[in-house]
C-alpha atoms as a PDB file:
ATOM      1  CA  UNK A   1      20.742 -19.095  -1.884  1.00  0.00           C
ATOM      2  CA  UNK A   2      19.389 -18.545   1.621  1.00  0.00           C
ATOM      3  CA  UNK A   3      16.161 -20.529   2.019  1.00  0.00           C
ATOM      4  CA  UNK A   4      15.632 -19.609   5.667  1.00  0.00           C
ATOM      5  CA  UNK A   5      12.814 -17.114   6.034  1.00  0.00           C
ATOM      6  CA  UNK A   6      12.032 -15.166   9.143  1.00  0.00           C
ATOM      7  CA  UNK A   7       8.407 -16.155   9.896  1.00  0.00           C
ATOM      8  CA  UNK A   8       7.800 -13.154  12.143  1.00  0.00           C
ATOM      9  CA  UNK A   9       8.860 -10.842   9.324  1.00  0.00           C
ATOM     10  CA  UNK A  10       6.388 -12.478   6.931  1.00  0.00           C
ATOM     11  CA  UNK A  11       3.549 -12.327   9.477  1.00  0.00           C
ATOM     12  CA  UNK A  12       4.261  -8.681  10.176  1.00  0.00           C
ATOM     13  CA  UNK A  13       4.428  -7.838   6.475  1.00  0.00           C
ATOM     14  CA  UNK A  14       1.132  -9.661   5.795  1.00  0.00           C
ATOM     15  CA  UNK A  15      -0.485  -7.721   8.620  1.00  0.00           C
ATOM     16  CA  UNK A  16       0.805  -4.451   7.162  1.00  0.00           C
ATOM     17  CA  UNK A  17      -0.575  -5.244   3.715  1.00  0.00           C
ATOM     18  CA  UNK A  18      -3.905  -6.202   5.285  1.00  0.00           C
ATOM     19  CA  UNK A  19      -4.002  -2.840   7.050  1.00  0.00           C
ATOM     20  CA  UNK A  20      -3.191  -1.057   3.787  1.00  0.00           C
ATOM     21  CA  UNK A  21      -5.988  -2.938   2.023  1.00  0.00           C
ATOM     22  CA  UNK A  22      -8.395  -1.939   4.801  1.00  0.00           C
ATOM     23  CA  UNK A  23      -7.215   1.661   4.468  1.00  0.00           C
ATOM     24  CA  UNK A  24      -8.058   1.599   0.759  1.00  0.00           C
ATOM     25  CA  UNK A  25     -11.541   0.247   1.448  1.00  0.00           C
ATOM     26  CA  UNK A  26     -12.361   2.531   4.364  1.00  0.00           C
ATOM     27  CA  UNK A  27     -14.008   5.916   4.378  1.00  0.00           C
ATOM     28  CA  UNK A  28     -11.292   7.747   6.210  1.00  0.00           C
ATOM     29  CA  UNK A  29     -12.523  10.766   8.165  1.00  0.00           C
ATOM     30  CA  UNK A  30      -9.185  12.429   7.532  1.00  0.00           C
ATOM     31  CA  UNK A  31      -7.581  11.984   4.100  1.00  0.00           C
ATOM     32  CA  UNK A  32      -4.407  13.614   5.406  1.00  0.00           C
ATOM     33  CA  UNK A  33      -4.138  11.070   8.219  1.00  0.00           C
ATOM     34  CA  UNK A  34      -4.808   8.249   5.729  1.00  0.00           C
ATOM     35  CA  UNK A  35      -1.964   9.475   3.501  1.00  0.00           C
ATOM     36  CA  UNK A  36       0.431   9.620   6.437  1.00  0.00           C
ATOM     37  CA  UNK A  37      -0.591   6.170   7.650  1.00  0.00           C
ATOM     38  CA  UNK A  38      -0.149   4.640   4.188  1.00  0.00           C
ATOM     39  CA  UNK A  39       3.374   6.045   3.920  1.00  0.00           C
ATOM     40  CA  UNK A  40       4.279   4.785   7.398  1.00  0.00           C
ATOM     41  CA  UNK A  41       2.907   1.323   6.648  1.00  0.00           C
ATOM     42  CA  UNK A  42       4.852   1.105   3.382  1.00  0.00           C
ATOM     43  CA  UNK A  43       8.029   2.159   5.183  1.00  0.00           C
ATOM     44  CA  UNK A  44       7.515  -0.678   7.649  1.00  0.00           C
ATOM     45  CA  UNK A  45       6.693  -3.188   4.895  1.00  0.00           C
ATOM     46  CA  UNK A  46       9.799  -2.563   2.821  1.00  0.00           C
ATOM     47  CA  UNK A  47      12.254  -1.894   5.643  1.00  0.00           C
ATOM     48  CA  UNK A  48      13.497  -5.486   5.905  1.00  0.00           C
ATOM     49  CA  UNK A  49      13.679  -6.329   2.211  1.00  0.00           C
ATOM     50  CA  UNK A  50      15.963  -5.571  -0.652  1.00  0.00           C
ATOM     51  CA  UNK A  51      15.474  -2.242  -2.318  1.00  0.00           C
ATOM     52  CA  UNK A  52      14.932  -2.380  -6.062  1.00  0.00           C
ATOM     53  CA  UNK A  53      13.876   0.170  -8.651  1.00  0.00           C
ATOM     54  CA  UNK A  54      10.841  -1.922  -9.552  1.00  0.00           C
ATOM     55  CA  UNK A  55       9.738  -1.900  -5.905  1.00  0.00           C
ATOM     56  CA  UNK A  56      10.106   1.859  -5.599  1.00  0.00           C
ATOM     57  CA  UNK A  57       8.249   2.355  -8.888  1.00  0.00           C
ATOM     58  CA  UNK A  58       5.314   0.312  -7.609  1.00  0.00           C
ATOM     59  CA  UNK A  59       5.341   2.164  -4.269  1.00  0.00           C
ATOM     60  CA  UNK A  60       5.360   5.528  -6.062  1.00  0.00           C
ATOM     61  CA  UNK A  61       2.491   4.425  -8.324  1.00  0.00           C
ATOM     62  CA  UNK A  62       0.483   3.322  -5.288  1.00  0.00           C
ATOM     63  CA  UNK A  63       1.036   6.625  -3.515  1.00  0.00           C
ATOM     64  CA  UNK A  64       0.094   8.627  -6.623  1.00  0.00           C
ATOM     65  CA  UNK A  65      -3.197   6.750  -6.964  1.00  0.00           C
ATOM     66  CA  UNK A  66      -3.874   6.739  -3.225  1.00  0.00           C
ATOM     67  CA  UNK A  67      -3.234  10.487  -2.977  1.00  0.00           C
ATOM     68  CA  UNK A  68      -5.545  11.087  -5.937  1.00  0.00           C
ATOM     69  CA  UNK A  69      -8.198   8.945  -4.253  1.00  0.00           C
ATOM     70  CA  UNK A  70      -7.867  10.967  -1.041  1.00  0.00           C
ATOM     71  CA  UNK A  71      -8.113  14.219  -3.019  1.00  0.00           C
ATOM     72  CA  UNK A  72     -11.264  12.933  -4.693  1.00  0.00           C
ATOM     73  CA  UNK A  73     -12.756  12.175  -1.281  1.00  0.00           C
ATOM     74  CA  UNK A  74     -11.838  15.663  -0.048  1.00  0.00           C
ATOM     75  CA  UNK A  75     -13.395  17.359  -3.077  1.00  0.00           C
ATOM     76  CA  UNK A  76     -16.362  15.141  -4.007  1.00  0.00           C
ATOM     77  CA  UNK A  77     -16.997  13.205  -0.812  1.00  0.00           C
ATOM     78  CA  UNK A  78     -16.809   9.517  -0.013  1.00  0.00           C
ATOM     79  CA  UNK A  79     -19.809   8.664  -2.200  1.00  0.00           C
ATOM     80  CA  UNK A  80     -18.155   9.620  -5.499  1.00  0.00           C
ATOM     81  CA  UNK A  81     -18.742   6.805  -8.030  1.00  0.00           C
ATOM     82  CA  UNK A  82     -15.186   7.173  -9.398  1.00  0.00           C
ATOM     83  CA  UNK A  83     -13.737   5.953  -6.098  1.00  0.00           C
ATOM     84  CA  UNK A  84     -14.438   2.350  -7.063  1.00  0.00           C
ATOM     85  CA  UNK A  85     -12.034   2.622 -10.006  1.00  0.00           C
ATOM     86  CA  UNK A  86      -9.420   4.386  -7.883  1.00  0.00           C
ATOM     87  CA  UNK A  87      -9.682   1.734  -5.169  1.00  0.00           C
ATOM     88  CA  UNK A  88      -9.187  -0.970  -7.796  1.00  0.00           C
ATOM     89  CA  UNK A  89      -6.046   0.757  -9.073  1.00  0.00           C
ATOM     90  CA  UNK A  90      -4.717   1.191  -5.532  1.00  0.00           C
ATOM     91  CA  UNK A  91      -5.285  -2.504  -4.817  1.00  0.00           C
ATOM     92  CA  UNK A  92      -3.494  -3.421  -8.043  1.00  0.00           C
ATOM     93  CA  UNK A  93      -0.380  -1.472  -7.046  1.00  0.00           C
ATOM     94  CA  UNK A  94      -0.639  -2.735  -3.474  1.00  0.00           C
ATOM     95  CA  UNK A  95      -0.581  -6.306  -4.809  1.00  0.00           C
ATOM     96  CA  UNK A  96       2.440  -5.441  -6.968  1.00  0.00           C
ATOM     97  CA  UNK A  97       4.339  -4.053  -3.981  1.00  0.00           C
ATOM     98  CA  UNK A  98       3.399  -7.035  -1.836  1.00  0.00           C
ATOM     99  CA  UNK A  99       4.558  -9.499  -4.507  1.00  0.00           C
ATOM    100  CA  UNK A 100       7.824  -7.618  -5.025  1.00  0.00           C
ATOM    101  CA  UNK A 101       8.470  -7.462  -1.269  1.00  0.00           C
ATOM    102  CA  UNK A 102       7.926 -11.186  -0.941  1.00  0.00           C
ATOM    103  CA  UNK A 103      10.076 -12.039  -3.959  1.00  0.00           C
ATOM    104  CA  UNK A 104      12.913  -9.744  -2.904  1.00  0.00           C
ATOM    105  CA  UNK A 105      12.985 -11.023   0.684  1.00  0.00           C
ATOM    106  CA  UNK A 106      13.405 -14.717  -0.161  1.00  0.00           C
END
């Protein structure tokens, strides 16, 4: 088993997940731009790791909830009370993806 970990890769991945968490919490002026940025950030986060079905399932679940959250913002505005629940679900799947990325890269 390879126990050598590329520190730069971990730092970069942590930064990406921090940016995704901030994207979930923010009131994006453009939901379309937020969707595009989330997909780009996930591509960067998982580029260096192993690809597994469980990882892709978690990524797909995140995007489904994130897209629904952005649609809710477009339709009801950023003050919709249901956004809190959607943000919680997005963070849950974000944490799942982050954990899977870390476990698959070691």
